[in-house]
Amino acid sequence: MKMVDVSSSNRNSRGDWRPDAPIALAPINIWPLRISDITRWFFGFPGFLWPYNAFWLAVTILTWSYLTPELSTMANLELWWIGLLLARNAALILILFGGLHLYLYVFKGQGEQHQFTTRPFATNNRKFLFKNQVADNMARTLLSAVPIITGYEIITYWAFANGFLGFFDFGSSQLLFWGWFLILLILAPVIHAIHFYLGHRLLHTKLLYKKVHALHHHNVEIGPWSGLAMHPIEHIIYLSTLTVQWVLAAHPVNALFQLQLAAFYPALAHCGFEKLKIGEKLKIDGGNHFHYLHHKYFECNYGGSLAPLDKWFGTFHDGTKEADQAMRTRIKKQREALR
């Protein structure tokens, strides 16, 4: 049965849908800090932990426990375990990205409800490989992103196995070791958000945008496969968030969690729906309206709502008509200053 978009009054004549509420930053970014708000956000549903970060952590633990060779066996670079990691990563990406695409766009699992735009994916367009947006996005994800994800993982495990990583010496204190391990797991989404903003601003510099990042922005209408549809250089920059854990990580799981956040976040962030409906009543956050607006306008929302960097640097767009006007005024002033 086709679902009715109960918020159809929010959809304009071009098919663009605007959520009921403006985009809000996480309460850790609102001063003065309110402990009660932060506690509800951290432990509540939906919130910081639930459902997604807890789910991604569970995936990481299962991946490490059952789908990753013993660390000691990866001290030497051998094709068997490198091939295993490559196949495992391809399978995980196919399940997540492909599953979301099938549910939302092939089987129309929730119709147009909470879909940001009803415009179709591009076909017969020379900007894309095979003149087809979805085929292009899949190829760039599976043939570029997956090998680069795997390459970072290979370097990480080899370095841990040979004692080149894991710099912190906790002595015999299990409390210090596991305490630092847990702190890094909690900080991983924040590290991702900050790194993403900085890398994204770098990609919007003139040279890198024209030669590298413009390829990702061919995807104006976005779907799950758009998330990692990037130039290989952008994959290297984006996934380098893992290198922060090369300095900080207490255990390879810290590094794997950081890498899988970067690998898996884009599927949801680009899924094209603000909410995903589970059953008749439960709705969880789906696509990121914050990042959807970046694909729509290009010159706003370079980071995410977890870190306040866009707010600090004047590029925050909360999805309202007032923010539209503020963005146009900012861009006009910037262009006039360059004349």
Foldseek 3Di string as FASTA:
>chain_A
DAADAPQCVQADPQFFGFDPDFAAFQQVPDPPRDPVSNVCQCPHVPHLPPDPLVVLLVVLVCCVPPQADDLLVLLDDDPVRLVSQLVVLLVVCCCQLVVLCCCCPVVVVHPCHQFRGPDDFFACCPLAVVRGDLVRLVCQCSVQLSNVLSVVLSVLSNCVSVVNFQPDPPDPDPPVLVVLQVVLSSCLVVLLQVLQLVLLVVCPPDPNVVPWVVSLLVCLQFALSSLRSTGNVSSNSNQCSLVVCSHRPNDVSSSSSSNSCSSNVSSQQRHRGQWDDDPDDDIHGGHAPLVSVCSNPVQANSGHSHDCPRVVVVRGARRDPVSVVSVVVVVVVVVVVVD
